[in-house]
Amino acid sequence: MTRVAAAIPAFQAEFSVGDVVRRTRPLIADVLVIDDGSLDRTAEVAQDAGAEVKSLTPNQGKGMALKTAFQVLFARGFDTVITLDADGQHLPEEIPRLLEARETGADLVLGTRDHLFAEMGSLRRISNRLSSRAISLAAGRPLTDVQTGFRLYTRHLIEATGFPGAHFEAESAVVVRAARA
């Protein structure tokens, strides 16, 4: 049986992380928030919402927060981790869609935000599309939203590809490594 946990990297997210945790917990009981050196009440709000919190100090970057989450959760025997950003841009209610893709044998599932592109500023939209095209070329397959933090990772994938880097580039690197593997 697949054991699934949720990981939410958070930095200065006291106004949104509680809602993300509360909406995630009915779908995944085990929620770990990695507070990446926040100076606000992020850790306290996440814990009050029902998440376990691991704090990193000082701020070490999103990649390191995710790497820490994988180390903690895989060591506890979880074999699948769903990641969500703490800012509320991902819909926890769509977690079942990621899990359905996992049932087909996928080791990495990207929860794209195509439905939000119209709401993004033009510069952000252009940046997202350009980076998606560049990563698609490197990965050798079309990808529409490589910057999404709404993902499913398996233990097998992380053990096979590693999770490089301390910052945002780690998420793109693992996509390229996964596609090439």
N, C-alpha and C. Protein backbone atom coordinates (compact mmCIF):
# COMPACT_ATOMS: atom_id res chain seq x y z
N MET A 1 0.84 -1.19 0.00
CA MET A 1 0.00 0.00 0.00
C MET A 1 0.88 1.25 0.00
N THR A 2 0.51 2.22 -0.80
CA THR A 2 1.27 3.45 -0.92
C THR A 2 1.05 4.33 0.30
N ARG A 3 2.15 4.80 0.88
CA ARG A 3 2.06 5.75 1.99
C ARG A 3 2.39 7.13 1.45
N VAL A 4 1.44 8.06 1.62
CA VAL A 4 1.53 9.40 1.04
C VAL A 4 1.59 10.45 2.15
N ALA A 5 2.48 11.40 1.99
CA ALA A 5 2.56 12.56 2.88
C ALA A 5 2.57 13.81 2.01
N ALA A 6 2.28 14.93 2.64
CA ALA A 6 2.35 16.23 1.96
C ALA A 6 3.48 17.04 2.57
N ALA A 7 4.20 17.77 1.71
CA ALA A 7 5.27 18.66 2.16
C ALA A 7 4.99 20.05 1.62
N ILE A 8 5.06 21.02 2.52
CA ILE A 8 4.79 22.41 2.14
C ILE A 8 5.99 23.26 2.56
N PRO A 9 6.85 23.62 1.60
CA PRO A 9 7.93 24.54 1.94
C PRO A 9 7.33 25.93 2.14
N ALA A 10 7.77 26.62 3.18
CA ALA A 10 7.15 27.91 3.50
C ALA A 10 8.19 28.93 3.93
N PHE A 11 8.00 30.14 3.45
CA PHE A 11 8.84 31.26 3.87
C PHE A 11 7.96 32.49 3.96
N GLN A 12 7.88 33.07 5.15
CA GLN A 12 7.08 34.28 5.39
C GLN A 12 5.65 34.08 4.88
N ALA A 13 5.02 33.00 5.28
CA ALA A 13 3.71 32.63 4.73
C ALA A 13 2.62 32.57 5.80
N GLU A 14 2.75 33.34 6.85
CA GLU A 14 1.79 33.24 7.95
C GLU A 14 0.35 33.51 7.54
N PHE A 15 0.12 34.29 6.49
CA PHE A 15 -1.24 34.63 6.11
C PHE A 15 -1.90 33.61 5.19
N SER A 16 -1.13 32.66 4.67
CA SER A 16 -1.71 31.68 3.74
C SER A 16 -1.47 30.23 4.13
N VAL A 17 -0.41 29.94 4.86
CA VAL A 17 -0.05 28.55 5.12
C VAL A 17 -1.11 27.79 5.92
N GLY A 18 -1.77 28.44 6.83
CA GLY A 18 -2.81 27.77 7.63
C GLY A 18 -3.94 27.24 6.77
N ASP A 19 -4.38 28.03 5.82
CA ASP A 19 -5.45 27.60 4.91
C ASP A 19 -4.99 26.43 4.05
N VAL A 20 -3.76 26.49 3.56
CA VAL A 20 -3.24 25.40 2.74
C VAL A 20 -3.20 24.10 3.55
N VAL A 21 -2.73 24.17 4.78
CA VAL A 21 -2.67 22.99 5.65
C VAL A 21 -4.08 22.45 5.93
N ARG A 22 -4.99 23.33 6.31
CA ARG A 22 -6.37 22.88 6.63
C ARG A 22 -7.06 22.24 5.44
N ARG A 23 -6.80 22.71 4.24
CA ARG A 23 -7.43 22.14 3.04
C ARG A 23 -6.72 20.87 2.58
N THR A 24 -5.47 20.70 2.97
CA THR A 24 -4.72 19.49 2.60
C THR A 24 -5.01 18.33 3.53
N ARG A 25 -5.15 18.58 4.81
CA ARG A 25 -5.26 17.51 5.81
C ARG A 25 -6.44 16.56 5.60
N PRO A 26 -7.60 16.97 5.09
CA PRO A 26 -8.65 15.98 4.85
C PRO A 26 -8.28 14.97 3.74
N LEU A 27 -7.34 15.35 2.90
CA LEU A 27 -6.93 14.49 1.78
C LEU A 27 -5.67 13.69 2.11
N ILE A 28 -4.78 14.27 2.89
CA ILE A 28 -3.54 13.62 3.32
C ILE A 28 -3.34 13.96 4.80
N ALA A 29 -3.38 12.96 5.63
CA ALA A 29 -3.30 13.19 7.07
C ALA A 29 -1.94 13.71 7.52
N ASP A 30 -0.88 13.24 6.87
CA ASP A 30 0.47 13.61 7.29
C ASP A 30 0.98 14.79 6.48
N VAL A 31 1.01 15.96 7.12
CA VAL A 31 1.44 17.19 6.45
C VAL A 31 2.64 17.75 7.21
N LEU A 32 3.73 17.92 6.47
CA LEU A 32 4.95 18.49 7.02
C LEU A 32 5.19 19.85 6.38
N VAL A 33 5.25 20.88 7.19
CA VAL A 33 5.61 22.22 6.71
C VAL A 33 7.08 22.45 7.07
N ILE A 34 7.85 22.83 6.07
CA ILE A 34 9.25 23.16 6.31
C ILE A 34 9.34 24.68 6.30
N ASP A 35 9.45 25.24 7.48
CA ASP A 35 9.56 26.69 7.62
C ASP A 35 11.01 27.06 7.35
N ASP A 36 11.23 27.72 6.23
CA ASP A 36 12.58 28.01 5.76
C ASP A 36 13.07 29.36 6.25
N GLY A 37 13.26 29.46 7.57
CA GLY A 37 13.85 30.66 8.15
C GLY A 37 12.93 31.86 8.22
N SER A 38 11.62 31.64 8.27
CA SER A 38 10.68 32.76 8.34
C SER A 38 10.88 33.57 9.61
N LEU A 39 10.66 34.86 9.49
CA LEU A 39 10.74 35.75 10.65
C LEU A 39 9.36 36.11 11.17
N ASP A 40 8.32 35.62 10.50
CA ASP A 40 6.94 35.89 10.93
C ASP A 40 6.41 34.66 11.69
N ARG A 41 5.12 34.49 11.76
CA ARG A 41 4.49 33.41 12.53
C ARG A 41 4.16 32.18 11.66
N THR A 42 4.87 31.98 10.57
CA THR A 42 4.59 30.86 9.67
C THR A 42 4.55 29.53 10.42
N ALA A 43 5.57 29.23 11.20
CA ALA A 43 5.64 27.94 11.90
C ALA A 43 4.48 27.76 12.86
N GLU A 44 4.18 28.77 13.63
CA GLU A 44 3.10 28.70 14.61
C GLU A 44 1.74 28.51 13.93
N VAL A 45 1.48 29.26 12.88
CA VAL A 45 0.20 29.16 12.16
C VAL A 45 0.06 27.76 11.54
N ALA A 46 1.14 27.24 10.95
CA ALA A 46 1.09 25.91 10.34
C ALA A 46 0.82 24.84 11.39
N GLN A 47 1.47 24.95 12.52
CA GLN A 47 1.27 23.97 13.59
C GLN A 47 -0.16 24.06 14.14
N ASP A 48 -0.67 25.26 14.32
CA ASP A 48 -2.04 25.44 14.80
C ASP A 48 -3.06 24.86 13.82
N ALA A 49 -2.72 24.83 12.53
CA ALA A 49 -3.62 24.29 11.51
C ALA A 49 -3.54 22.76 11.42
N GLY A 50 -2.59 22.16 12.15
CA GLY A 50 -2.52 20.70 12.19
C GLY A 50 -1.32 20.08 11.50
N ALA A 51 -0.36 20.89 11.06
CA ALA A 51 0.83 20.36 10.41
C ALA A 51 1.94 20.12 11.42
N GLU A 52 2.78 19.17 11.10
CA GLU A 52 4.06 19.06 11.79
C GLU A 52 4.96 20.12 11.15
N VAL A 53 5.81 20.74 11.93
CA VAL A 53 6.68 21.79 11.40
C VAL A 53 8.13 21.45 11.68
N LYS A 54 8.94 21.57 10.66
CA LYS A 54 10.40 21.49 10.80
C LYS A 54 10.93 22.83 10.35
N SER A 55 11.73 23.47 11.21
CA SER A 55 12.24 24.80 10.89
C SER A 55 13.70 24.74 10.50
N LEU A 56 14.03 25.46 9.44
CA LEU A 56 15.41 25.63 9.00
C LEU A 56 15.83 27.06 9.31
N THR A 57 17.01 27.22 9.89
CA THR A 57 17.53 28.56 10.14
C THR A 57 19.00 28.58 9.81
N PRO A 58 19.44 29.61 9.13
CA PRO A 58 18.65 30.66 8.50
C PRO A 58 17.98 30.14 7.24
N ASN A 59 17.36 31.02 6.49
CA ASN A 59 16.72 30.67 5.22
C ASN A 59 17.75 30.00 4.32
N GLN A 60 17.38 28.80 3.79
CA GLN A 60 18.32 28.02 2.99
C GLN A 60 17.86 27.81 1.55
N GLY A 61 16.66 28.26 1.21
CA GLY A 61 16.17 28.12 -0.15
C GLY A 61 15.15 27.01 -0.29
N LYS A 62 14.28 27.17 -1.27
CA LYS A 62 13.19 26.20 -1.48
C LYS A 62 13.71 24.80 -1.76
N GLY A 63 14.77 24.70 -2.56
CA GLY A 63 15.33 23.39 -2.87
C GLY A 63 15.78 22.65 -1.61
N MET A 64 16.43 23.35 -0.71
CA MET A 64 16.88 22.73 0.53
C MET A 64 15.69 22.36 1.42
N ALA A 65 14.66 23.19 1.42
CA ALA A 65 13.45 22.86 2.19
C ALA A 65 12.82 21.57 1.66
N LEU A 66 12.74 21.44 0.34
CA LEU A 66 12.18 20.22 -0.24
C LEU A 66 13.07 19.02 0.03
N LYS A 67 14.37 19.19 -0.13
CA LYS A 67 15.31 18.10 0.13
C LYS A 67 15.17 17.62 1.58
N THR A 68 15.03 18.55 2.50
CA THR A 68 14.84 18.21 3.91
C THR A 68 13.54 17.43 4.10
N ALA A 69 12.48 17.87 3.44
CA ALA A 69 11.19 17.17 3.56
C ALA A 69 11.31 15.74 3.05
N PHE A 70 11.96 15.55 1.90
CA PHE A 70 12.13 14.20 1.37
C PHE A 70 12.93 13.33 2.33
N GLN A 71 14.00 13.87 2.89
CA GLN A 71 14.81 13.09 3.83
C GLN A 71 13.98 12.65 5.03
N VAL A 72 13.22 13.58 5.60
CA VAL A 72 12.42 13.28 6.78
C VAL A 72 11.32 12.27 6.45
N LEU A 73 10.57 12.54 5.40
CA LEU A 73 9.40 11.71 5.10
C LEU A 73 9.78 10.33 4.55
N PHE A 74 10.78 10.24 3.70
CA PHE A 74 11.18 8.93 3.19
C PHE A 74 11.80 8.09 4.30
N ALA A 75 12.51 8.72 5.24
CA ALA A 75 13.06 7.99 6.39
C ALA A 75 11.96 7.40 7.27
N ARG A 76 10.79 8.00 7.23
CA ARG A 76 9.65 7.51 8.01
C ARG A 76 8.84 6.46 7.26
N GLY A 77 9.24 6.11 6.07
CA GLY A 77 8.58 5.05 5.33
C GLY A 77 7.54 5.50 4.32
N PHE A 78 7.39 6.79 4.12
CA PHE A 78 6.49 7.26 3.07
C PHE A 78 7.15 6.98 1.72
N ASP A 79 6.36 6.61 0.73
CA ASP A 79 6.95 6.36 -0.58
C ASP A 79 6.46 7.34 -1.64
N THR A 80 5.54 8.24 -1.26
CA THR A 80 5.06 9.28 -2.17
C THR A 80 4.91 10.57 -1.38
N VAL A 81 5.38 11.67 -1.97
CA VAL A 81 5.24 12.99 -1.33
C VAL A 81 4.60 13.93 -2.33
N ILE A 82 3.53 14.58 -1.89
CA ILE A 82 2.87 15.64 -2.65
C ILE A 82 3.41 16.95 -2.11
N THR A 83 3.88 17.83 -3.01
CA THR A 83 4.35 19.14 -2.57
C THR A 83 3.37 20.21 -3.01
N LEU A 84 3.17 21.18 -2.15
CA LEU A 84 2.32 22.34 -2.44
C LEU A 84 3.05 23.57 -1.93
N ASP A 85 2.94 24.67 -2.66
CA ASP A 85 3.51 25.92 -2.17
C ASP A 85 2.61 26.49 -1.08
N ALA A 86 3.21 27.21 -0.16
CA ALA A 86 2.48 27.74 0.99
C ALA A 86 1.66 28.98 0.69
N ASP A 87 1.81 29.54 -0.51
CA ASP A 87 1.12 30.80 -0.82
C ASP A 87 -0.32 30.63 -1.25
N GLY A 88 -0.81 29.41 -1.36
CA GLY A 88 -2.21 29.17 -1.67
C GLY A 88 -2.55 29.13 -3.15
N GLN A 89 -1.56 29.17 -4.03
CA GLN A 89 -1.87 29.18 -5.47
C GLN A 89 -2.26 27.80 -5.99
N HIS A 90 -1.99 26.75 -5.22
CA HIS A 90 -2.36 25.40 -5.64
C HIS A 90 -3.63 24.99 -4.90
N LEU A 91 -4.45 24.21 -5.56
CA LEU A 91 -5.71 23.77 -4.97
C LEU A 91 -5.51 22.39 -4.36
N PRO A 92 -5.44 22.29 -3.03
CA PRO A 92 -5.28 20.98 -2.41
C PRO A 92 -6.38 19.99 -2.84
N GLU A 93 -7.53 20.52 -3.19
CA GLU A 93 -8.64 19.66 -3.62
C GLU A 93 -8.31 18.88 -4.90
N GLU A 94 -7.24 19.27 -5.59
CA GLU A 94 -6.83 18.56 -6.80
C GLU A 94 -5.78 17.48 -6.53
N ILE A 95 -5.44 17.26 -5.28
CA ILE A 95 -4.49 16.20 -4.92
C ILE A 95 -4.92 14.85 -5.48
N PRO A 96 -6.20 14.49 -5.44
CA PRO A 96 -6.58 13.19 -6.02
C PRO A 96 -6.19 13.03 -7.49
N ARG A 97 -6.14 14.11 -8.24
CA ARG A 97 -5.72 14.02 -9.64
C ARG A 97 -4.25 13.62 -9.76
N LEU A 98 -3.41 14.13 -8.85
CA LEU A 98 -2.00 13.73 -8.85
C LEU A 98 -1.88 12.25 -8.48
N LEU A 99 -2.66 11.84 -7.50
CA LEU A 99 -2.61 10.45 -7.06
C LEU A 99 -3.12 9.49 -8.14
N GLU A 100 -4.10 9.93 -8.92
CA GLU A 100 -4.58 9.10 -10.04
C GLU A 100 -3.46 8.88 -11.05
N ALA A 101 -2.70 9.92 -11.33
CA ALA A 101 -1.58 9.78 -12.27
C ALA A 101 -0.53 8.82 -11.70
N ARG A 102 -0.36 8.84 -10.39
CA ARG A 102 0.59 7.92 -9.74
C ARG A 102 0.16 6.48 -9.96
N GLU A 103 -1.12 6.23 -9.99
CA GLU A 103 -1.63 4.87 -10.18
C GLU A 103 -1.27 4.31 -11.56
N THR A 104 -0.93 5.18 -12.50
CA THR A 104 -0.52 4.72 -13.83
C THR A 104 0.97 4.40 -13.87
N GLY A 105 1.65 4.57 -12.76
CA GLY A 105 3.07 4.27 -12.69
C GLY A 105 3.98 5.48 -12.74
N ALA A 106 3.43 6.68 -12.76
CA ALA A 106 4.26 7.89 -12.83
C ALA A 106 5.03 8.09 -11.52
N ASP A 107 6.29 8.47 -11.65
CA ASP A 107 7.12 8.76 -10.48
C ASP A 107 7.21 10.26 -10.20
N LEU A 108 6.84 11.08 -11.20
CA LEU A 108 6.82 12.54 -11.04
C LEU A 108 5.60 13.05 -11.78
N VAL A 109 4.76 13.80 -11.08
CA VAL A 109 3.56 14.36 -11.68
C VAL A 109 3.57 15.86 -11.40
N LEU A 110 3.41 16.66 -12.45
CA LEU A 110 3.37 18.11 -12.31
C LEU A 110 1.92 18.58 -12.36
N GLY A 111 1.48 19.25 -11.33
CA GLY A 111 0.13 19.83 -11.29
C GLY A 111 0.19 21.21 -11.92
N THR A 112 -0.04 21.29 -13.20
CA THR A 112 0.11 22.55 -13.91
C THR A 112 -0.94 23.57 -13.49
N ARG A 113 -0.59 24.83 -13.69
CA ARG A 113 -1.47 25.94 -13.31
C ARG A 113 -2.00 26.66 -14.54
N ASP A 114 -2.27 25.91 -15.60
CA ASP A 114 -2.77 26.52 -16.83
C ASP A 114 -4.01 27.38 -16.57
N HIS A 115 -4.83 26.95 -15.63
CA HIS A 115 -6.06 27.69 -15.33
C HIS A 115 -5.79 29.05 -14.68
N LEU A 116 -4.56 29.26 -14.20
CA LEU A 116 -4.21 30.54 -13.56
C LEU A 116 -3.43 31.47 -14.47
N PHE A 117 -3.03 31.01 -15.65
CA PHE A 117 -2.19 31.83 -16.52
C PHE A 117 -2.83 33.18 -16.85
N ALA A 118 -4.12 33.21 -17.05
CA ALA A 118 -4.79 34.47 -17.39
C ALA A 118 -4.68 35.49 -16.26
N GLU A 119 -4.58 35.01 -15.01
CA GLU A 119 -4.50 35.89 -13.85
C GLU A 119 -3.07 36.37 -13.58
N MET A 120 -2.08 35.69 -14.18
CA MET A 120 -0.69 36.07 -13.96
C MET A 120 -0.38 37.36 -14.70
N GLY A 121 0.54 38.13 -14.16
CA GLY A 121 1.02 39.31 -14.86
C GLY A 121 1.72 38.87 -16.14
N SER A 122 1.77 39.75 -17.11
CA SER A 122 2.34 39.38 -18.41
C SER A 122 3.81 38.97 -18.30
N LEU A 123 4.60 39.65 -17.49
CA LEU A 123 6.01 39.30 -17.33
C LEU A 123 6.16 37.90 -16.74
N ARG A 124 5.37 37.60 -15.72
CA ARG A 124 5.43 36.27 -15.09
C ARG A 124 4.98 35.19 -16.06
N ARG A 125 3.93 35.48 -16.83
CA ARG A 125 3.42 34.51 -17.81
C ARG A 125 4.48 34.22 -18.87
N ILE A 126 5.13 35.26 -19.37
CA ILE A 126 6.18 35.09 -20.38
C ILE A 126 7.36 34.31 -19.78
N SER A 127 7.76 34.66 -18.58
CA SER A 127 8.86 33.97 -17.91
C SER A 127 8.54 32.49 -17.74
N ASN A 128 7.32 32.20 -17.33
CA ASN A 128 6.92 30.81 -17.11
C ASN A 128 6.96 30.04 -18.42
N ARG A 129 6.43 30.61 -19.48
CA ARG A 129 6.40 29.91 -20.77
C ARG A 129 7.81 29.72 -21.34
N LEU A 130 8.67 30.74 -21.21
CA LEU A 130 10.04 30.60 -21.71
C LEU A 130 10.81 29.54 -20.94
N SER A 131 10.68 29.55 -19.62
CA SER A 131 11.40 28.54 -18.84
C SER A 131 10.84 27.14 -19.12
N SER A 132 9.54 27.04 -19.32
CA SER A 132 8.94 25.74 -19.65
C SER A 132 9.46 25.23 -20.99
N ARG A 133 9.60 26.12 -21.96
CA ARG A 133 10.15 25.71 -23.27
C ARG A 133 11.61 25.26 -23.14
N ALA A 134 12.38 26.01 -22.37
CA ALA A 134 13.80 25.66 -22.20
C ALA A 134 13.95 24.32 -21.50
N ILE A 135 13.21 24.11 -20.45
CA ILE A 135 13.29 22.84 -19.73
C ILE A 135 12.73 21.71 -20.59
N SER A 136 11.71 21.98 -21.38
CA SER A 136 11.17 20.97 -22.30
C SER A 136 12.24 20.51 -23.27
N LEU A 137 13.01 21.45 -23.80
CA LEU A 137 14.09 21.10 -24.72
C LEU A 137 15.14 20.24 -24.01
N ALA A 138 15.52 20.65 -22.81
CA ALA A 138 16.52 19.88 -22.05
C ALA A 138 16.00 18.50 -21.66
N ALA A 139 14.71 18.42 -21.36
CA ALA A 139 14.12 17.16 -20.93
C ALA A 139 13.76 16.25 -22.11
N GLY A 140 13.62 16.84 -23.29
CA GLY A 140 13.27 16.05 -24.46
C GLY A 140 11.81 15.68 -24.54
N ARG A 141 10.97 16.45 -23.87
CA ARG A 141 9.52 16.25 -23.95
C ARG A 141 8.81 17.53 -23.59
N PRO A 142 7.61 17.75 -24.14
CA PRO A 142 6.90 19.01 -23.88
C PRO A 142 6.35 19.07 -22.46
N LEU A 143 6.61 20.19 -21.81
CA LEU A 143 6.12 20.45 -20.46
C LEU A 143 5.55 21.86 -20.43
N THR A 144 4.36 22.03 -19.87
CA THR A 144 3.72 23.34 -19.93
C THR A 144 3.96 24.22 -18.72
N ASP A 145 4.33 23.65 -17.58
CA ASP A 145 4.48 24.46 -16.37
C ASP A 145 5.53 23.86 -15.46
N VAL A 146 6.80 24.09 -15.78
CA VAL A 146 7.87 23.51 -14.97
C VAL A 146 8.11 24.26 -13.67
N GLN A 147 7.50 25.41 -13.52
CA GLN A 147 7.70 26.18 -12.29
C GLN A 147 6.67 25.85 -11.20
N THR A 148 5.74 24.97 -11.49
CA THR A 148 4.74 24.63 -10.49
C THR A 148 5.37 23.93 -9.29
N GLY A 149 4.92 24.28 -8.12
CA GLY A 149 5.35 23.61 -6.90
C GLY A 149 4.37 22.53 -6.47
N PHE A 150 3.30 22.35 -7.24
CA PHE A 150 2.28 21.34 -6.96
C PHE A 150 2.68 20.08 -7.71
N ARG A 151 3.29 19.15 -6.98
CA ARG A 151 3.89 17.98 -7.61
C ARG A 151 3.72 16.73 -6.77
N LEU A 152 3.89 15.62 -7.44
CA LEU A 152 3.97 14.32 -6.77
C LEU A 152 5.34 13.75 -7.08
N TYR A 153 6.06 13.34 -6.05
CA TYR A 153 7.36 12.71 -6.19
C TYR A 153 7.30 11.35 -5.50
N THR A 154 7.95 10.35 -6.09
CA THR A 154 8.07 9.07 -5.41
C THR A 154 9.46 8.92 -4.83
N ARG A 155 9.55 8.05 -3.84
CA ARG A 155 10.86 7.74 -3.25
C ARG A 155 11.79 7.21 -4.35
N HIS A 156 11.25 6.36 -5.21
CA HIS A 156 12.05 5.78 -6.29
C HIS A 156 12.68 6.88 -7.14
N LEU A 157 11.91 7.89 -7.51
CA LEU A 157 12.43 8.98 -8.34
C LEU A 157 13.56 9.72 -7.64
N ILE A 158 13.34 10.10 -6.39
CA ILE A 158 14.35 10.88 -5.65
C ILE A 158 15.61 10.05 -5.42
N GLU A 159 15.45 8.76 -5.14
CA GLU A 159 16.62 7.91 -4.98
C GLU A 159 17.38 7.76 -6.29
N ALA A 160 16.67 7.70 -7.41
CA ALA A 160 17.31 7.52 -8.71
C ALA A 160 17.94 8.80 -9.26
N THR A 161 17.33 9.95 -9.00
CA THR A 161 17.80 11.20 -9.60
C THR A 161 18.46 12.15 -8.62
N GLY A 162 18.20 11.97 -7.34
CA GLY A 162 18.66 12.93 -6.34
C GLY A 162 17.79 14.18 -6.39
N PHE A 163 18.07 15.09 -5.52
CA PHE A 163 17.36 16.37 -5.53
C PHE A 163 18.41 17.45 -5.37
N PRO A 164 18.93 17.96 -6.50
CA PRO A 164 20.08 18.87 -6.47
C PRO A 164 19.70 20.31 -6.18
N GLY A 165 20.63 21.03 -5.63
CA GLY A 165 20.46 22.47 -5.50
C GLY A 165 19.67 22.88 -4.28
N ALA A 166 19.91 24.10 -3.86
CA ALA A 166 19.25 24.62 -2.67
C ALA A 166 18.12 25.59 -3.00
N HIS A 167 18.02 26.01 -4.23
CA HIS A 167 17.05 27.04 -4.56
C HIS A 167 16.03 26.52 -5.57
N PHE A 168 15.38 27.41 -6.30
CA PHE A 168 14.31 27.03 -7.22
C PHE A 168 14.80 26.14 -8.37
N GLU A 169 16.08 26.23 -8.71
CA GLU A 169 16.60 25.45 -9.83
C GLU A 169 16.51 23.94 -9.58
N ALA A 170 16.44 23.54 -8.34
CA ALA A 170 16.38 22.11 -8.00
C ALA A 170 15.14 21.45 -8.61
N GLU A 171 14.02 22.16 -8.59
CA GLU A 171 12.79 21.58 -9.14
C GLU A 171 12.90 21.36 -10.65
N SER A 172 13.52 22.29 -11.36
CA SER A 172 13.70 22.12 -12.80
C SER A 172 14.69 21.00 -13.09
N ALA A 173 15.76 20.94 -12.32
CA ALA A 173 16.77 19.91 -12.54
C ALA A 173 16.20 18.51 -12.36
N VAL A 174 15.35 18.32 -11.38
CA VAL A 174 14.79 16.98 -11.16
C VAL A 174 13.83 16.61 -12.29
N VAL A 175 13.15 17.60 -12.87
CA VAL A 175 12.27 17.32 -14.02
C VAL A 175 13.11 16.82 -15.19
N VAL A 176 14.22 17.49 -15.48
CA VAL A 176 15.09 17.08 -16.58
C VAL A 176 15.65 15.69 -16.31
N ARG A 177 16.15 15.47 -15.11
CA ARG A 177 16.71 14.15 -14.77
C ARG A 177 15.66 13.06 -14.88
N ALA A 178 14.45 13.33 -14.42
CA ALA A 178 13.38 12.33 -14.47
C ALA A 178 13.01 12.01 -15.91
N ALA A 179 12.89 13.02 -16.73
CA ALA A 179 12.52 12.80 -18.14
C ALA A 179 13.59 12.01 -18.87
N ARG A 180 14.83 12.30 -18.58
CA ARG A 180 15.93 11.59 -19.25
C ARG A 180 16.06 10.15 -18.75
N ALA A 181 15.67 9.91 -17.50
CA ALA A 181 15.75 8.54 -16.95
C ALA A 181 14.61 7.71 -17.48
